[in-house]
Amino acid sequence: MSWKDTYQHKLVSVEDAAAVIKSNDRVWYPPCASAPFDLINAISKRYKELENVEMISGLLLYPFDYLKAEYKGHLHHHTVFMGPYERKMYSQGNVEVTSYQFSHTDWLTENIIKPNVVITEVSPPDEKGNMSYGPLGTFNNNIAVKYADTVIVQINNETPYVYGEKEAFINVEDVDYICEADHKLAELPQPPVTEIEKTIASYMVEYIENGSTVQIGLGGVANAVGFFLENHKDLGVHTEMFVDSMVTLAEKGVITGSQKTLNPGEITCSFGIGSKKMYDFMNRNKNLKCYPISYIADVNNIAKNNKFISINNALMCDLTGQACSESLGFNQFSGTGGQLDFVRGAMMSPGGKSFLAFRSVAEKKDGSLVSRITAELPPGAVITTPRTDTQYVVTEFGIAELRGKSIEQRVKALISIAHPDFREKLLFDAKKYGLVS
């Protein structure tokens, strides 16, 4: 039987595919734009027939109904990285979160997630019957499928065919059910870059040499860095997340990968989140490959790239350099992700550098400002990057180099890049706590 015959034999409606899910199943589906939108909605409609089904994913870009309180006990959501919809629905009590380092994803999938069902969106099959996992499925689909009893794919003609190693594809022969439903991929719009973000980016750019390999996260600072790197040459990319600013740099010939020391010549990533333009750029682009996140975030693989540059956001840090990037007090805001993996990989890279960047202040609901550099972090704040790993901290008031510095040197450096309105109080607190003489 040819793969085309097998395809037709396994082809069912979206509703029939959803009917395969039974009570007590543990269902993994990939995050963001690779979530099988129509299939998940069809499963949600069956919720009264189901009990104790665990739906596991992360960073949702669709407001699925099953996140609501009335689905509790039937369909429960477990996220491995909290996104905007999970945050919004968390108070309803049907969302649970696990925060972990992305380099441990294969272990987490095998030992904690332990899905018995995988549902995933894929591209139409190629001439050999291989379907691409699209912009996000390579994250961990391969290891999830290995341990699942049932695999259901939703063919979406909008899904880009993204190159990679064997882990980036699944063959028609290796799935149990196929359904078809087209929809536009969820996009993550990038807000306009502010003047403050441009200032923050400008401090970092002078530290980035031609021929460096970069990892840049989401957000305004990331976009601003992309703007300021337009005059650089022969940059490489090894990143968990491929973003729109990298598309611009590639189109302008800044990203060539010619000096990369691991996977030279290619854009190396695990997934892409952004605009339709970015998804179109990923589609059948032989210069870009997606790999499992456990490979991308492995500190030893990161360190194989000479002059590796890691740029990540933080929410706040204390005066010794402990950085919180994932919680607001006890309230989980996002996740650990790959931040610490990339910070440590950059530290091990010959000529590598890591930056944690954020605006110096946050605005409260009443319009007043609060410093994001503090003498002590608020109760419950999660330490995402320990002070022993923090190298550069950047705000709109400058850049503080902390690696190898004494406590007093760290405190003084961080006060110097805090908002001027808070520096006197920070120095007073530092002396009160005996951090400086």
Protein backbone atom coordinates (compact mmCIF):
# COMPACT_ATOMS: atom_id res chain seq x y z
CA MET A 1 0.00 0.00 0.00
CA SER A 2 1.41 3.41 -0.94
CA TRP A 3 1.51 6.24 1.56
CA LYS A 4 -1.28 7.93 -0.40
CA ASP A 5 -3.51 4.89 0.10
CA THR A 6 -2.58 4.82 3.78
CA TYR A 7 -3.47 8.52 4.01
CA GLN A 8 -6.96 7.88 2.67
CA HIS A 9 -7.40 4.88 4.94
CA LYS A 10 -6.55 6.95 8.04
CA LEU A 11 -8.49 10.06 6.99
CA VAL A 12 -11.44 10.93 9.24
CA SER A 13 -13.47 14.03 9.98
CA VAL A 14 -12.37 16.45 12.67
CA GLU A 15 -15.34 15.34 14.76
CA ASP A 16 -14.44 11.66 14.43
CA ALA A 17 -10.84 12.43 15.35
CA ALA A 18 -12.05 14.28 18.45
CA ALA A 19 -14.19 11.28 19.36
CA VAL A 20 -11.02 9.21 19.84
CA ILE A 21 -10.24 11.10 23.08
CA LYS A 22 -11.53 9.27 26.15
CA SER A 23 -11.72 9.95 29.89
CA ASN A 24 -8.40 10.00 31.79
CA ASP A 25 -6.34 10.62 28.64
CA ARG A 26 -3.21 12.75 28.86
CA VAL A 27 -3.13 14.77 25.64
CA TRP A 28 -0.09 16.69 24.46
CA TYR A 29 -0.35 19.31 21.74
CA PRO A 30 2.35 21.81 20.63
CA PRO A 31 2.24 25.46 21.71
CA CYS A 32 1.24 28.62 19.90
CA ALA A 33 0.59 28.45 16.18
CA SER A 34 1.04 24.68 15.91
CA ALA A 35 -1.91 23.84 18.16
CA PRO A 36 -4.55 21.93 16.10
CA PHE A 37 -7.20 24.61 16.54
CA ASP A 38 -10.20 22.86 14.99
CA LEU A 39 -9.50 19.52 16.62
CA ILE A 40 -9.15 21.08 20.09
CA ASN A 41 -12.42 22.95 19.64
CA ALA A 42 -14.13 19.70 18.65
CA ILE A 43 -12.75 17.99 21.75
CA SER A 44 -13.97 20.91 23.87
CA LYS A 45 -17.51 20.42 22.59
CA ARG A 46 -17.45 16.86 23.97
CA TYR A 47 -16.42 17.91 27.46
CA LYS A 48 -19.57 16.70 29.22
CA GLU A 49 -18.86 13.19 27.93
CA LEU A 50 -15.34 13.23 29.35
CA GLU A 51 -13.78 13.13 32.79
CA ASN A 52 -10.28 13.93 33.98
CA VAL A 53 -8.71 14.62 30.58
CA GLU A 54 -5.40 16.48 30.91
CA MET A 55 -4.68 18.86 28.00
CA ILE A 56 -0.98 19.76 28.09
CA SER A 57 0.74 22.48 26.07
CA GLY A 58 2.09 26.00 26.60
CA LEU A 59 2.00 29.65 25.56
CA LEU A 60 -1.45 29.45 23.99
CA LEU A 61 -2.31 31.92 21.24
CA TYR A 62 -5.93 30.77 21.02
CA PRO A 63 -8.61 31.41 23.72
CA PHE A 64 -9.84 27.83 23.92
CA ASP A 65 -13.19 27.43 25.71
CA TYR A 66 -11.97 24.52 27.82
CA LEU A 67 -9.83 26.90 29.89
CA LYS A 68 -13.02 28.11 31.58
CA ALA A 69 -14.10 27.06 35.08
CA GLU A 70 -17.12 25.06 33.90
CA TYR A 71 -14.83 22.59 32.13
CA LYS A 72 -13.08 21.68 35.38
CA GLY A 73 -13.22 17.97 36.08
CA HIS A 74 -13.73 17.26 32.39
CA LEU A 75 -10.91 18.99 30.52
CA HIS A 76 -8.03 20.47 32.52
CA HIS A 77 -5.22 22.59 31.08
CA HIS A 78 -1.60 22.10 32.12
CA THR A 79 0.87 24.63 30.70
CA VAL A 80 4.65 24.33 30.53
CA PHE A 81 5.01 28.05 29.81
CA MET A 82 2.33 30.53 30.79
CA GLY A 83 1.15 32.82 28.01
CA PRO A 84 -1.42 35.62 27.84
CA TYR A 85 -4.50 33.39 27.67
CA GLU A 86 -3.32 31.11 30.47
CA ARG A 87 -2.66 34.18 32.65
CA LYS A 88 -6.08 35.59 31.88
CA MET A 89 -7.88 32.34 32.72
CA TYR A 90 -5.70 31.18 35.62
CA SER A 91 -8.02 32.62 38.29
CA GLN A 92 -10.84 30.37 37.08
CA GLY A 93 -9.00 27.40 38.53
CA ASN A 94 -8.70 25.19 35.46
CA VAL A 95 -5.11 26.03 34.52
CA GLU A 96 -2.04 24.49 36.14
CA VAL A 97 1.55 25.50 35.42
CA THR A 98 4.93 23.77 35.51
CA SER A 99 7.99 25.99 35.25
CA TYR A 100 11.20 24.26 34.16
CA GLN A 101 14.32 24.75 32.06
CA PHE A 102 13.76 24.06 28.37
CA SER A 103 16.90 21.93 28.15
CA HIS A 104 15.05 19.36 30.30
CA THR A 105 12.08 19.07 27.91
CA ASP A 106 12.74 15.51 26.76
CA TRP A 107 13.02 14.35 30.38
CA LEU A 108 9.87 16.25 31.34
CA THR A 109 7.94 14.78 28.41
CA GLU A 110 8.99 11.22 29.20
CA ASN A 111 8.69 11.33 32.99
CA ILE A 112 6.11 14.00 33.88
CA ILE A 113 3.92 14.84 30.89
CA LYS A 114 3.77 11.19 29.81
CA PRO A 115 1.14 11.70 27.10
CA ASN A 116 -0.80 8.71 25.88
CA VAL A 117 -2.26 10.84 23.06
CA VAL A 118 -0.55 13.41 20.83
CA ILE A 119 -2.61 15.76 18.69
CA THR A 120 -0.71 18.12 16.43
CA GLU A 121 -1.06 20.33 13.39
CA VAL A 122 1.11 19.47 10.38
CA SER A 123 1.73 20.52 6.81
CA PRO A 124 0.40 18.52 3.87
CA PRO A 125 2.67 15.53 3.14
CA ASP A 126 5.59 15.79 0.74
CA GLU A 127 6.37 13.32 -2.04
CA LYS A 128 7.52 10.75 0.54
CA GLY A 129 4.55 11.13 2.85
CA ASN A 130 6.47 13.20 5.41
CA MET A 131 4.50 15.94 7.12
CA SER A 132 6.32 18.89 8.67
CA TYR A 133 5.57 19.74 12.28
CA GLY A 134 5.44 23.38 11.22
CA PRO A 135 6.74 26.38 13.18
CA LEU A 136 6.50 24.87 16.70
CA GLY A 137 5.93 21.13 16.66
CA THR A 138 9.61 20.21 16.50
CA PHE A 139 9.80 21.57 20.09
CA ASN A 140 9.17 18.08 21.53
CA ASN A 141 6.66 16.31 19.30
CA ASN A 142 9.16 13.62 18.37
CA ILE A 143 9.71 12.48 21.96
CA ALA A 144 5.99 12.85 22.79
CA VAL A 145 5.01 10.66 19.82
CA LYS A 146 7.54 8.05 20.91
CA TYR A 147 5.69 7.47 24.19
CA ALA A 148 2.10 8.01 23.02
CA ASP A 149 -0.32 5.21 22.19
CA THR A 150 -2.33 7.34 19.77
CA VAL A 151 -1.22 10.06 17.34
CA ILE A 152 -3.73 12.31 15.59
CA VAL A 153 -2.65 14.95 13.06
CA GLN A 154 -4.63 17.83 11.61
CA ILE A 155 -3.52 18.79 8.11
CA ASN A 156 -3.60 22.56 7.66
CA ASN A 157 -2.60 23.95 4.27
CA GLU A 158 -1.52 27.16 6.03
CA THR A 159 1.14 25.29 8.04
CA PRO A 160 4.64 26.03 6.70
CA TYR A 161 6.85 23.13 5.68
CA VAL A 162 9.87 23.73 7.92
CA TYR A 163 13.12 21.88 7.36
CA GLY A 164 15.12 20.09 10.02
CA GLU A 165 16.45 16.67 10.90
CA LYS A 166 14.17 13.63 11.15
CA GLU A 167 12.64 15.01 14.37
CA ALA A 168 11.01 17.83 12.38
CA PHE A 169 8.69 15.47 10.48
CA ILE A 170 6.23 12.65 10.92
CA ASN A 171 5.27 10.21 8.19
CA VAL A 172 1.75 9.26 7.22
CA GLU A 173 2.63 5.67 8.14
CA ASP A 174 3.41 6.67 11.74
CA VAL A 175 0.11 8.28 12.69
CA ASP A 176 -3.19 6.69 13.68
CA TYR A 177 -5.70 9.28 12.46
CA ILE A 178 -5.60 12.13 9.97
CA CYS A 179 -8.10 14.96 9.74
CA GLU A 180 -8.12 18.05 7.54
CA ALA A 181 -9.02 21.62 8.47
CA ASP A 182 -7.49 24.87 7.28
CA HIS A 183 -7.18 28.07 9.30
CA LYS A 184 -4.85 31.04 9.50
CA LEU A 185 -1.98 30.57 11.93
CA ALA A 186 -2.14 32.56 15.13
CA GLU A 187 0.19 35.53 15.01
CA LEU A 188 1.88 37.34 17.86
CA PRO A 189 1.89 41.03 16.86
CA GLN A 190 5.00 42.94 17.78
CA PRO A 191 4.32 46.29 19.48
CA PRO A 192 6.07 49.39 18.12
CA VAL A 193 9.58 49.83 19.45
CA THR A 194 9.71 52.62 22.04
CA GLU A 195 12.48 55.17 22.45
CA ILE A 196 13.42 53.59 25.79
CA GLU A 197 13.75 50.17 24.14
CA LYS A 198 15.93 51.69 21.43
CA THR A 199 18.16 53.21 24.10
CA ILE A 200 18.48 49.88 25.92
CA ALA A 201 19.34 48.13 22.67
CA SER A 202 21.94 50.73 21.75
CA TYR A 203 24.00 49.90 24.85
CA MET A 204 24.18 46.21 23.95
CA VAL A 205 24.96 46.55 20.28
CA GLU A 206 28.48 47.89 20.82
CA TYR A 207 29.33 44.67 22.70
CA ILE A 208 28.27 42.46 19.77
CA GLU A 209 31.05 41.68 17.32
CA ASN A 210 30.71 40.84 13.65
CA GLY A 211 30.50 37.08 13.21
CA SER A 212 28.73 36.53 16.54
CA THR A 213 25.96 33.95 16.92
CA VAL A 214 22.88 35.39 18.60
CA GLN A 215 19.86 34.35 20.61
CA ILE A 216 17.19 37.01 20.98
CA GLY A 217 13.87 36.65 22.77
CA LEU A 218 10.48 38.25 22.17
CA GLY A 219 9.50 41.81 22.94
CA GLY A 220 10.32 45.40 22.13
CA VAL A 221 13.94 45.21 23.25
CA ALA A 222 14.48 42.22 20.95
CA ASN A 223 13.01 44.09 18.00
CA ALA A 224 15.10 47.14 18.83
CA VAL A 225 18.29 45.06 18.95
CA GLY A 226 17.41 43.71 15.51
CA PHE A 227 17.11 47.27 14.24
CA PHE A 228 20.49 48.29 15.63
CA LEU A 229 22.25 45.22 14.25
CA GLU A 230 21.51 46.13 10.66
CA ASN A 231 25.08 47.34 10.09
CA HIS A 232 26.70 44.18 11.46
CA LYS A 233 28.16 41.45 9.27
CA ASP A 234 27.99 37.66 9.14
CA LEU A 235 25.87 37.09 12.22
CA GLY A 236 24.67 33.60 13.01
CA VAL A 237 21.53 32.38 14.78
CA HIS A 238 21.19 29.61 17.37
CA THR A 239 18.02 30.36 19.28
CA GLU A 240 15.07 28.71 20.94
CA MET A 241 12.74 31.20 19.28
CA PHE A 242 12.95 32.57 15.75
CA VAL A 243 11.35 36.04 15.68
CA ASP A 244 10.45 38.77 13.21
CA SER A 245 13.55 40.89 13.84
CA MET A 246 15.66 37.99 12.60
CA VAL A 247 13.70 37.87 9.35
CA THR A 248 14.60 41.49 8.71
CA LEU A 249 18.28 40.86 9.45
CA ALA A 250 18.32 37.81 7.17
CA GLU A 251 16.66 39.68 4.33
CA LYS A 252 19.25 42.45 4.62
CA GLY A 253 22.14 39.99 4.48
CA VAL A 254 23.26 40.57 8.07
CA ILE A 255 22.55 36.97 9.07
CA THR A 256 24.67 34.59 7.00
CA GLY A 257 25.92 32.06 9.56
CA SER A 258 29.22 31.94 7.70
CA GLN A 259 31.26 32.15 10.91
CA LYS A 260 29.15 29.85 13.06
CA THR A 261 31.12 27.05 14.65
CA LEU A 262 28.08 24.78 15.10
CA ASN A 263 25.79 24.17 12.11
CA PRO A 264 27.52 26.83 9.98
CA GLY A 265 25.52 28.57 7.31
CA GLU A 266 22.09 27.82 8.75
CA ILE A 267 19.59 29.56 10.97
CA THR A 268 19.29 27.11 13.85
CA CYS A 269 16.18 27.30 16.04
CA SER A 270 13.54 25.21 17.76
CA PHE A 271 10.42 27.19 16.91
CA GLY A 272 9.11 30.42 15.45
CA ILE A 273 6.58 32.84 16.92
CA GLY A 274 5.53 36.01 15.15
CA SER A 275 3.81 37.32 12.05
CA LYS A 276 2.58 35.67 8.87
CA LYS A 277 5.64 37.15 7.16
CA MET A 278 7.81 35.19 9.56
CA TYR A 279 5.90 31.94 8.95
CA ASP A 280 6.23 32.50 5.19
CA PHE A 281 9.98 33.03 5.64
CA MET A 282 10.24 29.68 7.45
CA ASN A 283 8.31 27.82 4.73
CA ARG A 284 10.66 25.62 2.66
CA ASN A 285 13.62 27.81 3.56
CA LYS A 286 16.66 25.56 3.20
CA ASN A 287 18.76 28.03 5.19
CA LEU A 288 16.62 27.47 8.31
CA LYS A 289 16.27 24.29 10.36
CA CYS A 290 14.21 23.47 13.43
CA TYR A 291 15.52 21.10 16.10
CA PRO A 292 14.04 19.74 19.36
CA ILE A 293 14.32 22.29 22.16
CA SER A 294 16.39 19.90 24.29
CA TYR A 295 19.08 20.08 21.60
CA ILE A 296 18.84 23.85 21.08
CA ALA A 297 18.89 24.71 24.80
CA ASP A 298 21.64 22.25 25.74
CA VAL A 299 24.33 24.45 27.28
CA ASN A 300 27.08 22.39 25.66
CA ASN A 301 25.58 22.89 22.21
CA ILE A 302 25.13 26.61 22.84
CA ALA A 303 28.76 26.86 23.94
CA LYS A 304 29.96 25.27 20.70
CA ASN A 305 29.10 28.58 19.02
CA ASN A 306 32.02 30.99 19.37
CA LYS A 307 31.15 34.57 20.35
CA PHE A 308 27.67 33.53 21.42
CA ILE A 309 25.36 36.41 22.38
CA SER A 310 22.32 35.76 24.58
CA ILE A 311 19.76 38.57 25.00
CA ASN A 312 16.79 38.01 27.31
CA ASN A 313 14.22 40.05 29.15
CA ALA A 314 13.84 40.19 32.93
CA LEU A 315 11.09 41.60 35.10
CA MET A 316 13.39 42.82 37.88
CA CYS A 317 16.59 42.11 39.78
CA ASP A 318 17.95 42.79 43.22
CA LEU A 319 21.08 44.77 44.00
CA THR A 320 23.31 41.70 43.84
CA GLY A 321 22.10 40.61 40.39
CA GLN A 322 19.52 37.94 41.18
CA ALA A 323 17.10 38.21 38.26
CA CYS A 324 13.40 37.41 38.29
CA SER A 325 12.01 36.88 34.81
CA GLU A 326 8.88 34.80 35.31
CA SER A 327 6.74 35.84 38.29
CA LEU A 328 5.18 38.87 39.92
CA GLY A 329 5.58 37.92 43.54
CA PHE A 330 3.83 34.58 43.97
CA ASN A 331 1.87 35.02 40.73
CA GLN A 332 3.39 33.10 37.84
CA PHE A 333 3.65 35.43 34.82
CA SER A 334 5.44 33.34 32.19
CA GLY A 335 8.01 30.57 32.63
CA THR A 336 11.68 29.77 33.08
CA GLY A 337 11.98 28.73 29.45
CA GLY A 338 15.52 28.65 28.12
CA GLN A 339 16.85 31.79 29.81
CA LEU A 340 19.24 30.16 32.26
CA ASP A 341 20.33 27.60 29.65
CA PHE A 342 21.35 30.39 27.28
CA VAL A 343 22.93 32.52 30.00
CA ARG A 344 25.13 29.59 31.01
CA GLY A 345 25.83 28.52 27.42
CA ALA A 346 26.98 32.03 26.56
CA MET A 347 29.26 32.03 29.61
CA MET A 348 30.90 28.82 28.36
CA SER A 349 31.23 30.06 24.78
CA PRO A 350 34.63 31.45 23.71
CA GLY A 351 34.02 35.20 23.63
CA GLY A 352 30.38 34.74 24.65
CA LYS A 353 28.25 37.33 26.45
CA SER A 354 24.80 37.29 28.04
CA PHE A 355 22.51 40.25 28.66
CA LEU A 356 19.41 40.63 30.82
CA ALA A 357 17.51 43.72 29.75
CA PHE A 358 14.54 45.60 31.14
CA ARG A 359 13.12 49.09 31.62
CA SER A 360 14.31 50.60 34.90
CA VAL A 361 10.80 51.21 36.27
CA ALA A 362 7.31 49.73 36.09
CA GLU A 363 4.13 51.74 36.25
CA LYS A 364 1.53 50.81 38.86
CA LYS A 365 -2.23 51.03 38.34
CA ASP A 366 -2.35 54.42 40.03
CA GLY A 367 0.27 55.81 37.65
CA SER A 368 3.12 55.85 40.18
CA LEU A 369 6.47 54.29 39.32
CA VAL A 370 8.32 51.48 41.06
CA SER A 371 11.96 50.55 40.52
CA ARG A 372 12.69 47.22 38.88
CA ILE A 373 16.10 47.22 40.56
CA THR A 374 15.44 46.63 44.24
CA ALA A 375 17.37 46.03 47.43
CA GLU A 376 15.33 42.88 47.92
CA LEU A 377 12.93 41.03 45.66
CA PRO A 378 9.28 40.89 46.75
CA PRO A 379 8.07 37.73 48.56
CA GLY A 380 7.47 34.90 46.12
CA ALA A 381 9.58 36.35 43.30
CA VAL A 382 11.22 33.50 41.41
CA ILE A 383 14.98 33.61 40.85
CA THR A 384 15.24 32.69 37.18
CA THR A 385 18.92 33.57 36.81
CA PRO A 386 21.12 33.38 39.95
CA ARG A 387 23.50 36.23 40.59
CA THR A 388 26.45 33.90 40.02
CA ASP A 389 25.33 33.55 36.37
CA THR A 390 24.32 37.13 35.61
CA GLN A 391 26.85 38.86 33.37
CA TYR A 392 25.39 42.09 31.97
CA VAL A 393 22.26 43.90 33.18
CA VAL A 394 20.94 46.64 30.91
CA THR A 395 18.41 49.43 31.40
CA GLU A 396 17.83 52.72 29.57
CA PHE A 397 20.40 54.26 31.93
CA GLY A 398 23.31 52.04 31.00
CA ILE A 399 24.89 48.64 31.30
CA ALA A 400 26.27 46.98 34.43
CA GLU A 401 28.86 44.22 34.15
CA LEU A 402 28.54 41.87 37.13
CA ARG A 403 30.42 38.70 36.35
CA GLY A 404 33.21 38.09 38.85
CA LYS A 405 32.49 41.31 40.73
CA SER A 406 32.29 41.66 44.52
CA ILE A 407 28.95 42.28 46.21
CA GLU A 408 29.79 45.95 46.75
CA GLN A 409 30.90 46.38 43.14
CA ARG A 410 27.67 44.77 41.94
CA VAL A 411 25.51 46.98 44.12
CA LYS A 412 27.18 50.17 42.96
CA ALA A 413 27.02 49.12 39.29
CA LEU A 414 23.31 48.33 39.48
CA ILE A 415 22.46 51.53 41.35
CA SER A 416 24.20 53.45 38.58
CA ILE A 417 21.75 52.09 35.97
CA ALA A 418 18.63 52.39 38.14
CA HIS A 419 16.19 55.21 37.53
CA PRO A 420 17.65 58.41 39.06
CA ASP A 421 14.54 58.90 41.22
CA PHE A 422 15.34 55.68 43.12
CA ARG A 423 19.12 55.74 43.39
CA GLU A 424 19.30 57.54 46.72
CA LYS A 425 16.84 55.12 48.33
CA LEU A 426 18.65 52.11 46.85
CA LEU A 427 21.97 53.34 48.26
CA PHE A 428 20.32 53.94 51.66
CA ASP A 429 18.90 50.39 51.66
CA ALA A 430 22.21 48.91 50.52
CA LYS A 431 23.99 50.54 53.46
CA LYS A 432 21.22 49.51 55.86
CA TYR A 433 21.59 45.88 54.81
CA GLY A 434 25.38 46.00 54.91
CA LEU A 435 25.80 45.48 51.19
CA VAL A 436 28.06 48.51 50.87
CA SER A 437 30.20 50.33 53.40
